[in-house]
Amino acid sequence: MWKTAAACPLNSVQHDNCRVTNPATGHLFDLNPLKKNEGYTVHHHKDQKMVFRMNICGSVANTGCSPDTAVCIKEGSDVVSGGKVSNKLSYKDHVLELTYEEGSPCPANRSLTHSTVISFICRPASMSSAPSEPVLIGSNTEMCTHFFAFHTPLVCEQPVSMFV
């Protein structure tokens, strides 16, 4: 018998400080280097008038949203919070996720608030010289949830060679 992460049941772990550990390998992921003073600007791929100003494990300033906002969505003159700052990074089913909740009320359902889910995906530094930045995958307007992917070498673990 041999031990391998591939044969283990799926685990979910959540840590603070924008860090999380892979429970199967013990590898520590630290996404603090992705926090930027000026944040990130992402344009909606279908509606260029809709702009997301966001940060990773930090707030965005000078956006018209409250100071504890991690994602500020601007469409024309309207500004809404896509979620409050959180440093709780989670590792679920081999995916690192950061979720921002408790944004502005959802117009489609007033019992909900805007939220944002960012999935971090390994892209080795050797694969591209383009800077790492979030990409809008889509938004669920009924649930007011916005989904982003962020390709970065910070979530790449070193490959492990196995000989059987």
C-alpha atoms as a PDB file:
ATOM      1  CA  MET A   1       0.000   0.000   0.000  1.00  0.00           C
ATOM      2  CA  TRP A   2       1.186   3.529  -0.732  1.00  0.00           C
ATOM      3  CA  LYS A   3      -0.129   6.953   0.237  1.00  0.00           C
ATOM      4  CA  THR A   4      -1.259   9.412  -2.419  1.00  0.00           C
ATOM      5  CA  ALA A   5      -3.395  12.549  -2.322  1.00  0.00           C
ATOM      6  CA  ALA A   6      -5.281  11.260  -5.384  1.00  0.00           C
ATOM      7  CA  ALA A   7      -6.838   8.414  -3.380  1.00  0.00           C
ATOM      8  CA  CYS A   8      -7.908  10.529  -0.404  1.00  0.00           C
ATOM      9  CA  PRO A   9     -11.457  11.773   0.130  1.00  0.00           C
ATOM     10  CA  LEU A  10     -12.080  15.369  -0.855  1.00  0.00           C
ATOM     11  CA  ASN A  11     -11.355  17.802   1.943  1.00  0.00           C
ATOM     12  CA  SER A  12     -12.288  21.369   2.645  1.00  0.00           C
ATOM     13  CA  VAL A  13     -10.151  23.667   4.771  1.00  0.00           C
ATOM     14  CA  GLN A  14     -10.433  27.382   5.523  1.00  0.00           C
ATOM     15  CA  HIS A  15      -7.814  29.677   7.097  1.00  0.00           C
ATOM     16  CA  ASP A  16      -7.472  33.404   7.789  1.00  0.00           C
ATOM     17  CA  ASN A  17      -4.687  35.799   6.740  1.00  0.00           C
ATOM     18  CA  CYS A  18      -5.194  35.033   3.026  1.00  0.00           C
ATOM     19  CA  ARG A  19      -3.423  31.696   3.495  1.00  0.00           C
ATOM     20  CA  VAL A  20      -4.592  28.093   3.410  1.00  0.00           C
ATOM     21  CA  THR A  21      -3.001  24.656   3.532  1.00  0.00           C
ATOM     22  CA  ASN A  22      -3.657  21.728   1.224  1.00  0.00           C
ATOM     23  CA  PRO A  23      -4.814  19.120   3.782  1.00  0.00           C
ATOM     24  CA  ALA A  24      -3.438  16.217   1.725  1.00  0.00           C
ATOM     25  CA  THR A  25       0.090  17.565   1.157  1.00  0.00           C
ATOM     26  CA  GLY A  26       0.552  20.220   3.842  1.00  0.00           C
ATOM     27  CA  HIS A  27       1.542  22.795   1.196  1.00  0.00           C
ATOM     28  CA  LEU A  28       0.860  26.356   2.395  1.00  0.00           C
ATOM     29  CA  PHE A  29      -0.649  28.741  -0.152  1.00  0.00           C
ATOM     30  CA  ASP A  30      -0.166  32.465   0.563  1.00  0.00           C
ATOM     31  CA  LEU A  31      -2.085  34.904  -1.661  1.00  0.00           C
ATOM     32  CA  ASN A  32      -1.051  38.080   0.191  1.00  0.00           C
ATOM     33  CA  PRO A  33       1.258  39.111  -2.697  1.00  0.00           C
ATOM     34  CA  LEU A  34      -1.877  39.507  -4.875  1.00  0.00           C
ATOM     35  CA  LYS A  35      -3.182  42.351  -2.695  1.00  0.00           C
ATOM     36  CA  LYS A  36      -2.598  45.649  -4.527  1.00  0.00           C
ATOM     37  CA  ASN A  37      -2.982  49.218  -3.259  1.00  0.00           C
ATOM     38  CA  GLU A  38      -4.774  50.224  -6.444  1.00  0.00           C
ATOM     39  CA  GLY A  39      -6.688  46.936  -6.749  1.00  0.00           C
ATOM     40  CA  TYR A  40      -7.704  45.383 -10.069  1.00  0.00           C
ATOM     41  CA  THR A  41     -10.068  46.702 -12.740  1.00  0.00           C
ATOM     42  CA  VAL A  42     -12.118  44.145 -14.673  1.00  0.00           C
ATOM     43  CA  HIS A  43     -14.549  45.075 -17.457  1.00  0.00           C
ATOM     44  CA  HIS A  44     -17.625  42.931 -18.064  1.00  0.00           C
ATOM     45  CA  HIS A  45     -17.007  40.965 -21.266  1.00  0.00           C
ATOM     46  CA  LYS A  46     -20.509  41.667 -22.659  1.00  0.00           C
ATOM     47  CA  ASP A  47     -21.243  45.083 -21.170  1.00  0.00           C
ATOM     48  CA  GLN A  48     -18.182  47.344 -21.250  1.00  0.00           C
ATOM     49  CA  LYS A  49     -20.067  49.954 -19.175  1.00  0.00           C
ATOM     50  CA  MET A  50     -20.028  47.539 -16.221  1.00  0.00           C
ATOM     51  CA  VAL A  51     -16.715  47.746 -14.361  1.00  0.00           C
ATOM     52  CA  PHE A  52     -15.590  45.694 -11.370  1.00  0.00           C
ATOM     53  CA  ARG A  53     -12.967  47.265  -9.120  1.00  0.00           C
ATOM     54  CA  MET A  54     -11.656  44.589  -6.789  1.00  0.00           C
ATOM     55  CA  ASN A  55      -8.839  43.450  -4.576  1.00  0.00           C
ATOM     56  CA  ILE A  56      -7.571  40.188  -3.159  1.00  0.00           C
ATOM     57  CA  CYS A  57      -7.836  39.990   0.663  1.00  0.00           C
ATOM     58  CA  GLY A  58      -8.121  43.763   0.806  1.00  0.00           C
ATOM     59  CA  SER A  59     -10.423  46.679   0.137  1.00  0.00           C
ATOM     60  CA  VAL A  60     -10.683  48.946  -2.883  1.00  0.00           C
ATOM     61  CA  ALA A  61     -10.387  52.696  -2.353  1.00  0.00           C
ATOM     62  CA  ASN A  62     -11.856  55.690  -4.184  1.00  0.00           C
ATOM     63  CA  THR A  63     -14.630  53.674  -5.824  1.00  0.00           C
ATOM     64  CA  GLY A  64     -17.774  55.165  -4.324  1.00  0.00           C
ATOM     65  CA  CYS A  65     -18.351  52.022  -2.244  1.00  0.00           C
ATOM     66  CA  SER A  66     -17.894  51.769   1.523  1.00  0.00           C
ATOM     67  CA  PRO A  67     -14.304  51.415   2.846  1.00  0.00           C
ATOM     68  CA  ASP A  68     -14.782  47.735   3.776  1.00  0.00           C
ATOM     69  CA  THR A  69     -15.689  46.760   0.193  1.00  0.00           C
ATOM     70  CA  ALA A  70     -13.516  44.217  -1.643  1.00  0.00           C
ATOM     71  CA  VAL A  71     -15.470  44.382  -4.928  1.00  0.00           C
ATOM     72  CA  CYS A  72     -17.141  47.560  -6.162  1.00  0.00           C
ATOM     73  CA  ILE A  73     -19.329  47.277  -9.249  1.00  0.00           C
ATOM     74  CA  LYS A  74     -19.977  50.392 -11.306  1.00  0.00           C
ATOM     75  CA  GLU A  75     -22.549  50.508 -14.084  1.00  0.00           C
ATOM     76  CA  GLY A  76     -23.082  53.998 -15.427  1.00  0.00           C
ATOM     77  CA  SER A  77     -23.647  56.188 -12.373  1.00  0.00           C
ATOM     78  CA  ASP A  78     -24.806  53.266 -10.186  1.00  0.00           C
ATOM     79  CA  VAL A  79     -22.334  51.798  -7.692  1.00  0.00           C
ATOM     80  CA  VAL A  80     -22.940  48.626  -5.666  1.00  0.00           C
ATOM     81  CA  SER A  81     -20.798  46.549  -3.341  1.00  0.00           C
ATOM     82  CA  GLY A  82     -20.042  43.065  -4.636  1.00  0.00           C
ATOM     83  CA  GLY A  83     -18.982  41.965  -1.140  1.00  0.00           C
ATOM     84  CA  LYS A  84     -17.037  42.939   1.960  1.00  0.00           C
ATOM     85  CA  VAL A  85     -13.355  42.226   2.540  1.00  0.00           C
ATOM     86  CA  SER A  86     -12.484  38.748   3.764  1.00  0.00           C
ATOM     87  CA  ASN A  87      -9.115  37.113   4.401  1.00  0.00           C
ATOM     88  CA  LYS A  88     -10.661  33.634   4.667  1.00  0.00           C
ATOM     89  CA  LEU A  89      -9.141  31.594   1.893  1.00  0.00           C
ATOM     90  CA  SER A  90     -10.589  28.114   1.410  1.00  0.00           C
ATOM     91  CA  TYR A  91      -9.252  24.968  -0.190  1.00  0.00           C
ATOM     92  CA  LYS A  92     -12.064  22.770  -1.525  1.00  0.00           C
ATOM     93  CA  ASP A  93     -11.747  19.854  -3.907  1.00  0.00           C
ATOM     94  CA  HIS A  94      -8.285  20.967  -5.098  1.00  0.00           C
ATOM     95  CA  VAL A  95      -9.441  24.545  -5.751  1.00  0.00           C
ATOM     96  CA  LEU A  96      -8.508  27.659  -3.779  1.00  0.00           C
ATOM     97  CA  GLU A  97     -11.430  30.042  -3.335  1.00  0.00           C
ATOM     98  CA  LEU A  98     -11.976  33.443  -1.822  1.00  0.00           C
ATOM     99  CA  THR A  99     -15.574  34.511  -1.205  1.00  0.00           C
ATOM    100  CA  TYR A 100     -16.742  38.034  -0.469  1.00  0.00           C
ATOM    101  CA  GLU A 101     -20.246  38.285   1.009  1.00  0.00           C
ATOM    102  CA  GLU A 102     -22.627  40.876   2.482  1.00  0.00           C
ATOM    103  CA  GLY A 103     -22.497  43.313  -0.425  1.00  0.00           C
ATOM    104  CA  SER A 104     -25.329  45.610  -1.472  1.00  0.00           C
ATOM    105  CA  PRO A 105     -28.918  44.259  -1.453  1.00  0.00           C
ATOM    106  CA  CYS A 106     -29.800  42.134  -4.480  1.00  0.00           C
ATOM    107  CA  PRO A 107     -32.463  43.837  -6.645  1.00  0.00           C
ATOM    108  CA  ALA A 108     -33.821  40.457  -7.850  1.00  0.00           C
ATOM    109  CA  ASN A 109     -34.274  39.161  -4.283  1.00  0.00           C
ATOM    110  CA  ARG A 110     -34.069  41.605  -1.357  1.00  0.00           C
ATOM    111  CA  SER A 111     -33.351  38.764   1.088  1.00  0.00           C
ATOM    112  CA  LEU A 112     -29.985  38.266  -0.664  1.00  0.00           C
ATOM    113  CA  THR A 113     -26.920  40.471  -0.976  1.00  0.00           C
ATOM    114  CA  HIS A 114     -24.280  40.666  -3.689  1.00  0.00           C
ATOM    115  CA  SER A 115     -21.408  38.208  -3.297  1.00  0.00           C
ATOM    116  CA  THR A 116     -18.281  37.396  -5.264  1.00  0.00           C
ATOM    117  CA  VAL A 117     -16.459  34.071  -5.615  1.00  0.00           C
ATOM    118  CA  ILE A 118     -12.872  34.058  -6.899  1.00  0.00           C
ATOM    119  CA  SER A 119     -11.330  30.704  -7.896  1.00  0.00           C
ATOM    120  CA  PHE A 120      -7.548  30.636  -8.090  1.00  0.00           C
ATOM    121  CA  ILE A 121      -6.031  28.409 -10.756  1.00  0.00           C
ATOM    122  CA  CYS A 122      -2.406  27.362 -11.215  1.00  0.00           C
ATOM    123  CA  ARG A 123      -0.632  29.006 -14.124  1.00  0.00           C
ATOM    124  CA  PRO A 124       3.124  28.471 -13.905  1.00  0.00           C
ATOM    125  CA  ALA A 125       5.145  31.652 -14.394  1.00  0.00           C
ATOM    126  CA  SER A 126       6.830  30.057 -17.415  1.00  0.00           C
ATOM    127  CA  MET A 127       3.494  29.787 -19.273  1.00  0.00           C
ATOM    128  CA  SER A 128       2.862  33.491 -19.759  1.00  0.00           C
ATOM    129  CA  SER A 129       4.468  36.861 -19.320  1.00  0.00           C
ATOM    130  CA  ALA A 130       1.054  38.515 -18.899  1.00  0.00           C
ATOM    131  CA  PRO A 131       0.398  39.837 -15.395  1.00  0.00           C
ATOM    132  CA  SER A 132      -1.839  37.779 -13.132  1.00  0.00           C
ATOM    133  CA  GLU A 133      -5.257  39.371 -12.794  1.00  0.00           C
ATOM    134  CA  PRO A 134      -8.851  38.301 -12.235  1.00  0.00           C
ATOM    135  CA  VAL A 135     -11.111  37.427 -15.171  1.00  0.00           C
ATOM    136  CA  LEU A 136     -14.899  37.597 -14.970  1.00  0.00           C
ATOM    137  CA  ILE A 137     -16.419  34.194 -15.672  1.00  0.00           C
ATOM    138  CA  GLY A 138     -20.022  35.309 -15.247  1.00  0.00           C
ATOM    139  CA  SER A 139     -22.702  36.715 -12.966  1.00  0.00           C
ATOM    140  CA  ASN A 140     -25.914  35.164 -11.720  1.00  0.00           C
ATOM    141  CA  THR A 141     -28.302  38.148 -11.721  1.00  0.00           C
ATOM    142  CA  GLU A 142     -31.029  36.338  -9.758  1.00  0.00           C
ATOM    143  CA  MET A 143     -28.642  35.405  -6.935  1.00  0.00           C
ATOM    144  CA  CYS A 144     -26.402  38.499  -7.385  1.00  0.00           C
ATOM    145  CA  THR A 145     -23.307  36.306  -7.320  1.00  0.00           C
ATOM    146  CA  HIS A 146     -20.280  37.134  -9.458  1.00  0.00           C
ATOM    147  CA  PHE A 147     -17.691  34.515 -10.421  1.00  0.00           C
ATOM    148  CA  PHE A 148     -14.062  35.206 -11.268  1.00  0.00           C
ATOM    149  CA  ALA A 149     -11.042  33.073 -12.156  1.00  0.00           C
ATOM    150  CA  PHE A 150      -7.535  34.197 -11.237  1.00  0.00           C
ATOM    151  CA  HIS A 151      -4.631  32.349 -12.870  1.00  0.00           C
ATOM    152  CA  THR A 152      -1.466  32.684 -10.813  1.00  0.00           C
ATOM    153  CA  PRO A 153       1.729  30.741 -10.083  1.00  0.00           C
ATOM    154  CA  LEU A 154       1.080  31.293  -6.352  1.00  0.00           C
ATOM    155  CA  VAL A 155      -1.339  28.342  -6.300  1.00  0.00           C
ATOM    156  CA  CYS A 156       0.957  25.891  -8.097  1.00  0.00           C
ATOM    157  CA  GLU A 157       2.334  23.055  -6.002  1.00  0.00           C
ATOM    158  CA  GLN A 158       5.532  21.364  -7.006  1.00  0.00           C
ATOM    159  CA  PRO A 159       4.774  18.173  -8.951  1.00  0.00           C
ATOM    160  CA  VAL A 160       5.535  14.974  -7.067  1.00  0.00           C
ATOM    161  CA  SER A 161       7.090  12.046  -8.923  1.00  0.00           C
ATOM    162  CA  MET A 162       5.847   8.585  -8.021  1.00  0.00           C
ATOM    163  CA  PHE A 163       7.352   5.285  -8.982  1.00  0.00           C
ATOM    164  CA  VAL A 164       5.207   2.203  -8.600  1.00  0.00           C
END
